[in-house]
Amino acid sequence: MIFKEELKKAEIEKAKLKDHYESKLSDMNSELGFLKEQISSQQDMMKTTIEYATKLEHELAQLRKQIHKDHMTGKNSYH
């Protein structure tokens, strides 16, 4: 009889622990999903930033070429 009671108590404790850890695991999975969303958003922002920086570099290079061209043209004029 005592053995059955102890077994029943152990089973109840086991069920409580199982519920507790399943709840913790569910919470952690939820947090992990949120973290994945944040990382994805940050990656998108970085991609946009890099694309914009590349565009600005290209425009700056074009501007430098134009300035150099205008400077060379200005040297050849007779004003």
PDB file of N, CA and C in Angstrom:
ATOM      1  N   MET A   1       0.816  -1.184   0.000  1.00  0.00           N
ATOM      2  CA  MET A   1       0.000   0.000   0.000  1.00  0.00           C
ATOM      3  C   MET A   1       0.868   1.260   0.000  1.00  0.00           C
ATOM      4  N   ILE A   2       1.892   1.292   0.827  1.00  0.00           N
ATOM      5  CA  ILE A   2       2.784   2.452   0.886  1.00  0.00           C
ATOM      6  C   ILE A   2       3.504   2.620  -0.448  1.00  0.00           C
ATOM      7  N   PHE A   3       3.883   1.504  -1.025  1.00  0.00           N
ATOM      8  CA  PHE A   3       4.562   1.547  -2.313  1.00  0.00           C
ATOM      9  C   PHE A   3       3.679   2.190  -3.378  1.00  0.00           C
ATOM     10  N   LYS A   4       2.387   1.861  -3.412  1.00  0.00           N
ATOM     11  CA  LYS A   4       1.453   2.422  -4.388  1.00  0.00           C
ATOM     12  C   LYS A   4       1.293   3.920  -4.179  1.00  0.00           C
ATOM     13  N   GLU A   5       1.243   4.347  -2.922  1.00  0.00           N
ATOM     14  CA  GLU A   5       1.120   5.778  -2.624  1.00  0.00           C
ATOM     15  C   GLU A   5       2.366   6.543  -3.080  1.00  0.00           C
ATOM     16  N   GLU A   6       3.525   5.980  -2.810  1.00  0.00           N
ATOM     17  CA  GLU A   6       4.783   6.608  -3.226  1.00  0.00           C
ATOM     18  C   GLU A   6       4.874   6.663  -4.754  1.00  0.00           C
ATOM     19  N   LEU A   7       4.443   5.595  -5.385  1.00  0.00           N
ATOM     20  CA  LEU A   7       4.439   5.539  -6.841  1.00  0.00           C
ATOM     21  C   LEU A   7       3.497   6.601  -7.403  1.00  0.00           C
ATOM     22  N   LYS A   8       2.333   6.742  -6.797  1.00  0.00           N
ATOM     23  CA  LYS A   8       1.362   7.736  -7.234  1.00  0.00           C
ATOM     24  C   LYS A   8       1.930   9.146  -7.063  1.00  0.00           C
ATOM     25  N   LYS A   9       2.585   9.412  -5.919  1.00  0.00           N
ATOM     26  CA  LYS A   9       3.207  10.716  -5.666  1.00  0.00           C
ATOM     27  C   LYS A   9       4.302  10.993  -6.699  1.00  0.00           C
ATOM     28  N   ALA A  10       5.080   9.981  -7.008  1.00  0.00           N
ATOM     29  CA  ALA A  10       6.163  10.134  -7.987  1.00  0.00           C
ATOM     30  C   ALA A  10       5.582  10.434  -9.366  1.00  0.00           C
ATOM     31  N   GLU A  11       4.496   9.773  -9.718  1.00  0.00           N
ATOM     32  CA  GLU A  11       3.860  10.006 -11.013  1.00  0.00           C
ATOM     33  C   GLU A  11       3.290  11.426 -11.091  1.00  0.00           C
ATOM     34  N   ILE A  12       2.695  11.880  -9.994  1.00  0.00           N
ATOM     35  CA  ILE A  12       2.154  13.250  -9.951  1.00  0.00           C
ATOM     36  C   ILE A  12       3.288  14.257 -10.091  1.00  0.00           C
ATOM     37  N   GLU A  13       4.371  14.031  -9.369  1.00  0.00           N
ATOM     38  CA  GLU A  13       5.531  14.933  -9.447  1.00  0.00           C
ATOM     39  C   GLU A  13       6.126  14.924 -10.857  1.00  0.00           C
ATOM     40  N   LYS A  14       6.182  13.746 -11.449  1.00  0.00           N
ATOM     41  CA  LYS A  14       6.700  13.624 -12.811  1.00  0.00           C
ATOM     42  C   LYS A  14       5.825  14.407 -13.782  1.00  0.00           C
ATOM     43  N   ALA A  15       4.506  14.319 -13.634  1.00  0.00           N
ATOM     44  CA  ALA A  15       3.579  15.044 -14.506  1.00  0.00           C
ATOM     45  C   ALA A  15       3.746  16.559 -14.317  1.00  0.00           C
ATOM     46  N   LYS A  16       3.921  16.998 -13.060  1.00  0.00           N
ATOM     47  CA  LYS A  16       4.130  18.427 -12.789  1.00  0.00           C
ATOM     48  C   LYS A  16       5.417  18.921 -13.447  1.00  0.00           C
ATOM     49  N   LEU A  17       6.472  18.143 -13.306  1.00  0.00           N
ATOM     50  CA  LEU A  17       7.749  18.522 -13.918  1.00  0.00           C
ATOM     51  C   LEU A  17       7.638  18.563 -15.440  1.00  0.00           C
ATOM     52  N   LYS A  18       6.942  17.586 -15.993  1.00  0.00           N
ATOM     53  CA  LYS A  18       6.759  17.543 -17.440  1.00  0.00           C
ATOM     54  C   LYS A  18       6.016  18.790 -17.916  1.00  0.00           C
ATOM     55  N   ASP A  19       4.936  19.145 -17.236  1.00  0.00           N
ATOM     56  CA  ASP A  19       4.177  20.352 -17.593  1.00  0.00           C
ATOM     57  C   ASP A  19       5.040  21.605 -17.458  1.00  0.00           C
ATOM     58  N   HIS A  20       5.800  21.648 -16.370  1.00  0.00           N
ATOM     59  CA  HIS A  20       6.670  22.812 -16.134  1.00  0.00           C
ATOM     60  C   HIS A  20       7.695  22.972 -17.263  1.00  0.00           C
ATOM     61  N   TYR A  21       8.369  21.891 -17.612  1.00  0.00           N
ATOM     62  CA  TYR A  21       9.398  21.979 -18.643  1.00  0.00           C
ATOM     63  C   TYR A  21       8.803  22.179 -20.029  1.00  0.00           C
ATOM     64  N   GLU A  22       7.640  21.630 -20.287  1.00  0.00           N
ATOM     65  CA  GLU A  22       6.981  21.878 -21.572  1.00  0.00           C
ATOM     66  C   GLU A  22       6.598  23.356 -21.691  1.00  0.00           C
ATOM     67  N   SER A  23       6.151  23.927 -20.590  1.00  0.00           N
ATOM     68  CA  SER A  23       5.820  25.354 -20.581  1.00  0.00           C
ATOM     69  C   SER A  23       7.065  26.203 -20.823  1.00  0.00           C
ATOM     70  N   LYS A  24       8.153  25.843 -20.140  1.00  0.00           N
ATOM     71  CA  LYS A  24       9.424  26.561 -20.342  1.00  0.00           C
ATOM     72  C   LYS A  24       9.897  26.440 -21.782  1.00  0.00           C
ATOM     73  N   LEU A  25       9.792  25.246 -22.332  1.00  0.00           N
ATOM     74  CA  LEU A  25      10.219  25.004 -23.711  1.00  0.00           C
ATOM     75  C   LEU A  25       9.368  25.814 -24.680  1.00  0.00           C
ATOM     76  N   SER A  26       8.076  25.870 -24.433  1.00  0.00           N
ATOM     77  CA  SER A  26       7.183  26.656 -25.275  1.00  0.00           C
ATOM     78  C   SER A  26       7.557  28.141 -25.213  1.00  0.00           C
ATOM     79  N   ASP A  27       7.835  28.630 -24.014  1.00  0.00           N
ATOM     80  CA  ASP A  27       8.247  30.035 -23.852  1.00  0.00           C
ATOM     81  C   ASP A  27       9.550  30.312 -24.600  1.00  0.00           C
ATOM     82  N   MET A  28      10.486  29.396 -24.484  1.00  0.00           N
ATOM     83  CA  MET A  28      11.775  29.585 -25.156  1.00  0.00           C
ATOM     84  C   MET A  28      11.609  29.557 -26.673  1.00  0.00           C
ATOM     85  N   ASN A  29      10.743  28.678 -27.171  1.00  0.00           N
ATOM     86  CA  ASN A  29      10.484  28.626 -28.615  1.00  0.00           C
ATOM     87  C   ASN A  29       9.853  29.918 -29.094  1.00  0.00           C
ATOM     88  N   SER A  30       8.979  30.471 -28.277  1.00  0.00           N
ATOM     89  CA  SER A  30       8.357  31.747 -28.618  1.00  0.00           C
ATOM     90  C   SER A  30       9.401  32.856 -28.671  1.00  0.00           C
ATOM     91  N   GLU A  31      10.276  32.894 -27.680  1.00  0.00           N
ATOM     92  CA  GLU A  31      11.354  33.893 -27.648  1.00  0.00           C
ATOM     93  C   GLU A  31      12.293  33.709 -28.843  1.00  0.00           C
ATOM     94  N   LEU A  32      12.572  32.479 -29.182  1.00  0.00           N
ATOM     95  CA  LEU A  32      13.441  32.193 -30.324  1.00  0.00           C
ATOM     96  C   LEU A  32      12.805  32.692 -31.619  1.00  0.00           C
ATOM     97  N   GLY A  33      11.500  32.500 -31.748  1.00  0.00           N
ATOM     98  CA  GLY A  33      10.797  33.002 -32.928  1.00  0.00           C
ATOM     99  C   GLY A  33      10.885  34.519 -33.017  1.00  0.00           C
ATOM    100  N   PHE A  34      10.716  35.184 -31.879  1.00  0.00           N
ATOM    101  CA  PHE A  34      10.822  36.647 -31.834  1.00  0.00           C
ATOM    102  C   PHE A  34      12.235  37.086 -32.217  1.00  0.00           C
ATOM    103  N   LEU A  35      13.236  36.394 -31.695  1.00  0.00           N
ATOM    104  CA  LEU A  35      14.626  36.720 -32.015  1.00  0.00           C
ATOM    105  C   LEU A  35      14.902  36.538 -33.503  1.00  0.00           C
ATOM    106  N   LYS A  36      14.377  35.489 -34.098  1.00  0.00           N
ATOM    107  CA  LYS A  36      14.549  35.260 -35.535  1.00  0.00           C
ATOM    108  C   LYS A  36      13.941  36.401 -36.342  1.00  0.00           C
ATOM    109  N   GLU A  37      12.770  36.889 -35.907  1.00  0.00           N
ATOM    110  CA  GLU A  37      12.135  38.014 -36.593  1.00  0.00           C
ATOM    111  C   GLU A  37      12.999  39.265 -36.500  1.00  0.00           C
ATOM    112  N   GLN A  38      13.562  39.511 -35.323  1.00  0.00           N
ATOM    113  CA  GLN A  38      14.427  40.677 -35.145  1.00  0.00           C
ATOM    114  C   GLN A  38      15.668  40.579 -36.022  1.00  0.00           C
ATOM    115  N   ILE A  39      16.268  39.413 -36.070  1.00  0.00           N
ATOM    116  CA  ILE A  39      17.471  39.219 -36.893  1.00  0.00           C
ATOM    117  C   ILE A  39      17.131  39.434 -38.361  1.00  0.00           C
ATOM    118  N   SER A  40      16.007  38.910 -38.791  1.00  0.00           N
ATOM    119  CA  SER A  40      15.590  39.079 -40.180  1.00  0.00           C
ATOM    120  C   SER A  40      15.386  40.559 -40.509  1.00  0.00           C
ATOM    121  N   SER A  41      14.740  41.277 -39.615  1.00  0.00           N
ATOM    122  CA  SER A  41      14.521  42.713 -39.830  1.00  0.00           C
ATOM    123  C   SER A  41      15.844  43.461 -39.900  1.00  0.00           C
ATOM    124  N   GLN A  42      16.768  43.116 -39.003  1.00  0.00           N
ATOM    125  CA  GLN A  42      18.071  43.774 -39.004  1.00  0.00           C
ATOM    126  C   GLN A  42      18.844  43.450 -40.275  1.00  0.00           C
ATOM    127  N   GLN A  43      18.728  42.225 -40.756  1.00  0.00           N
ATOM    128  CA  GLN A  43      19.394  41.859 -42.007  1.00  0.00           C
ATOM    129  C   GLN A  43      18.826  42.667 -43.166  1.00  0.00           C
ATOM    130  N   ASP A  44      17.506  42.846 -43.189  1.00  0.00           N
ATOM    131  CA  ASP A  44      16.881  43.648 -44.244  1.00  0.00           C
ATOM    132  C   ASP A  44      17.364  45.096 -44.178  1.00  0.00           C
ATOM    133  N   MET A  45      17.457  45.640 -42.964  1.00  0.00           N
ATOM    134  CA  MET A  45      17.941  47.022 -42.817  1.00  0.00           C
ATOM    135  C   MET A  45      19.391  47.144 -43.279  1.00  0.00           C
ATOM    136  N   MET A  46      20.218  46.158 -42.938  1.00  0.00           N
ATOM    137  CA  MET A  46      21.622  46.175 -43.362  1.00  0.00           C
ATOM    138  C   MET A  46      21.708  46.096 -44.886  1.00  0.00           C
ATOM    139  N   LYS A  47      20.895  45.255 -45.489  1.00  0.00           N
ATOM    140  CA  LYS A  47      20.899  45.111 -46.943  1.00  0.00           C
ATOM    141  C   LYS A  47      20.520  46.443 -47.594  1.00  0.00           C
ATOM    142  N   THR A  48      19.481  47.078 -47.076  1.00  0.00           N
ATOM    143  CA  THR A  48      19.049  48.370 -47.610  1.00  0.00           C
ATOM    144  C   THR A  48      20.147  49.417 -47.432  1.00  0.00           C
ATOM    145  N   THR A  49      20.792  49.417 -46.281  1.00  0.00           N
ATOM    146  CA  THR A  49      21.868  50.367 -46.004  1.00  0.00           C
ATOM    147  C   THR A  49      23.037  50.163 -46.961  1.00  0.00           C
ATOM    148  N   ILE A  50      23.403  48.922 -47.189  1.00  0.00           N
ATOM    149  CA  ILE A  50      24.520  48.624 -48.101  1.00  0.00           C
ATOM    150  C   ILE A  50      24.167  49.036 -49.528  1.00  0.00           C
ATOM    151  N   GLU A  51      22.932  48.755 -49.942  1.00  0.00           N
ATOM    152  CA  GLU A  51      22.507  49.149 -51.293  1.00  0.00           C
ATOM    153  C   GLU A  51      22.548  50.670 -51.439  1.00  0.00           C
ATOM    154  N   TYR A  52      22.099  51.384 -50.421  1.00  0.00           N
ATOM    155  CA  TYR A  52      22.103  52.844 -50.472  1.00  0.00           C
ATOM    156  C   TYR A  52      23.535  53.381 -50.491  1.00  0.00           C
ATOM    157  N   ALA A  53      24.412  52.810 -49.666  1.00  0.00           N
ATOM    158  CA  ALA A  53      25.806  53.238 -49.637  1.00  0.00           C
ATOM    159  C   ALA A  53      26.475  52.980 -50.987  1.00  0.00           C
ATOM    160  N   THR A  54      26.167  51.850 -51.601  1.00  0.00           N
ATOM    161  CA  THR A  54      26.728  51.527 -52.916  1.00  0.00           C
ATOM    162  C   THR A  54      26.246  52.539 -53.954  1.00  0.00           C
ATOM    163  N   LYS A  55      24.975  52.899 -53.884  1.00  0.00           N
ATOM    164  CA  LYS A  55      24.415  53.892 -54.804  1.00  0.00           C
ATOM    165  C   LYS A  55      25.125  55.244 -54.614  1.00  0.00           C
ATOM    166  N   LEU A  56      25.322  55.632 -53.359  1.00  0.00           N
ATOM    167  CA  LEU A  56      26.007  56.905 -53.091  1.00  0.00           C
ATOM    168  C   LEU A  56      27.455  56.882 -53.581  1.00  0.00           C
ATOM    169  N   GLU A  57      28.129  55.763 -53.399  1.00  0.00           N
ATOM    170  CA  GLU A  57      29.505  55.640 -53.896  1.00  0.00           C
ATOM    171  C   GLU A  57      29.543  55.802 -55.408  1.00  0.00           C
ATOM    172  N   HIS A  58      28.595  55.191 -56.087  1.00  0.00           N
ATOM    173  CA  HIS A  58      28.523  55.293 -57.548  1.00  0.00           C
ATOM    174  C   HIS A  58      28.280  56.748 -57.966  1.00  0.00           C
ATOM    175  N   GLU A  59      27.322  57.392 -57.284  1.00  0.00           N
ATOM    176  CA  GLU A  59      27.025  58.792 -57.610  1.00  0.00           C
ATOM    177  C   GLU A  59      28.232  59.685 -57.323  1.00  0.00           C
ATOM    178  N   LEU A  60      28.943  59.414 -56.246  1.00  0.00           N
ATOM    179  CA  LEU A  60      30.141  60.202 -55.919  1.00  0.00           C
ATOM    180  C   LEU A  60      31.218  60.007 -56.977  1.00  0.00           C
ATOM    181  N   ALA A  61      31.393  58.785 -57.433  1.00  0.00           N
ATOM    182  CA  ALA A  61      32.380  58.518 -58.485  1.00  0.00           C
ATOM    183  C   ALA A  61      31.997  59.264 -59.761  1.00  0.00           C
ATOM    184  N   GLN A  62      30.709  59.262 -60.104  1.00  0.00           N
ATOM    185  CA  GLN A  62      30.251  59.982 -61.296  1.00  0.00           C
ATOM    186  C   GLN A  62      30.492  61.487 -61.138  1.00  0.00           C
ATOM    187  N   LEU A  63      30.221  62.000 -59.947  1.00  0.00           N
ATOM    188  CA  LEU A  63      30.431  63.420 -59.691  1.00  0.00           C
ATOM    189  C   LEU A  63      31.909  63.776 -59.812  1.00  0.00           C
ATOM    190  N   ARG A  64      32.779  62.937 -59.278  1.00  0.00           N
ATOM    191  CA  ARG A  64      34.229  63.191 -59.388  1.00  0.00           C
ATOM    192  C   ARG A  64      34.669  63.194 -60.853  1.00  0.00           C
ATOM    193  N   LYS A  65      34.141  62.257 -61.630  1.00  0.00           N
ATOM    194  CA  LYS A  65      34.477  62.221 -63.054  1.00  0.00           C
ATOM    195  C   LYS A  65      34.014  63.502 -63.739  1.00  0.00           C
ATOM    196  N   GLN A  66      32.805  63.927 -63.409  1.00  0.00           N
ATOM    197  CA  GLN A  66      32.266  65.145 -64.015  1.00  0.00           C
ATOM    198  C   GLN A  66      33.090  66.364 -63.609  1.00  0.00           C
ATOM    199  N   ILE A  67      33.470  66.443 -62.351  1.00  0.00           N
ATOM    200  CA  ILE A  67      34.300  67.569 -61.883  1.00  0.00           C
ATOM    201  C   ILE A  67      35.640  67.563 -62.607  1.00  0.00           C
ATOM    202  N   HIS A  68      36.241  66.381 -62.717  1.00  0.00           N
ATOM    203  CA  HIS A  68      37.529  66.277 -63.408  1.00  0.00           C
ATOM    204  C   HIS A  68      37.376  66.681 -64.877  1.00  0.00           C
ATOM    205  N   LYS A  69      36.303  66.206 -65.506  1.00  0.00           N
ATOM    206  CA  LYS A  69      36.046  66.544 -66.910  1.00  0.00           C
ATOM    207  C   LYS A  69      35.847  68.055 -67.069  1.00  0.00           C
ATOM    208  N   ASP A  70      35.031  68.649 -66.187  1.00  0.00           N
ATOM    209  CA  ASP A  70      34.792  70.091 -66.253  1.00  0.00           C
ATOM    210  C   ASP A  70      36.071  70.879 -65.984  1.00  0.00           C
ATOM    211  N   HIS A  71      36.881  70.376 -65.079  1.00  0.00           N
ATOM    212  CA  HIS A  71      38.147  71.034 -64.752  1.00  0.00           C
ATOM    213  C   HIS A  71      39.084  71.000 -65.969  1.00  0.00           C
ATOM    214  N   MET A  72      39.135  69.858 -66.640  1.00  0.00           N
ATOM    215  CA  MET A  72      39.982  69.724 -67.818  1.00  0.00           C
ATOM    216  C   MET A  72      39.449  70.603 -68.953  1.00  0.00           C
ATOM    217  N   THR A  73      38.136  70.675 -69.102  1.00  0.00           N
ATOM    218  CA  THR A  73      37.540  71.505 -70.140  1.00  0.00           C
ATOM    219  C   THR A  73      37.827  72.981 -69.838  1.00  0.00           C
ATOM    220  N   GLY A  74      37.776  73.342 -68.576  1.00  0.00           N
ATOM    221  CA  GLY A  74      38.046  74.723 -68.181  1.00  0.00           C
ATOM    222  C   GLY A  74      39.481  75.127 -68.457  1.00  0.00           C
ATOM    223  N   LYS A  75      40.420  74.213 -68.379  1.00  0.00           N
ATOM    224  CA  LYS A  75      41.816  74.533 -68.666  1.00  0.00           C
ATOM    225  C   LYS A  75      42.034  74.808 -70.146  1.00  0.00           C
ATOM    226  N   ASN A  76      41.219  74.200 -70.978  1.00  0.00           N
ATOM    227  CA  ASN A  76      41.387  74.358 -72.423  1.00  0.00           C
ATOM    228  C   ASN A  76      40.690  75.595 -72.971  1.00  0.00           C
ATOM    229  N   SER A  77      39.865  76.246 -72.149  1.00  0.00           N
ATOM    230  CA  SER A  77      39.174  77.443 -72.660  1.00  0.00           C
ATOM    231  C   SER A  77      40.081  78.647 -72.598  1.00  0.00           C
ATOM    232  N   TYR A  78      39.770  79.658 -73.416  1.00  0.00           N
ATOM    233  CA  TYR A  78      40.615  80.848 -73.496  1.00  0.00           C
ATOM    234  C   TYR A  78      39.909  82.051 -72.901  1.00  0.00           C
ATOM    235  N   HIS A  79      39.503  82.024 -71.681  1.00  0.00           N
ATOM    236  CA  HIS A  79      38.822  83.148 -71.041  1.00  0.00           C
ATOM    237  C   HIS A  79      39.780  83.978 -70.289  1.00  0.00           C
TER     238      HIS A  79
END
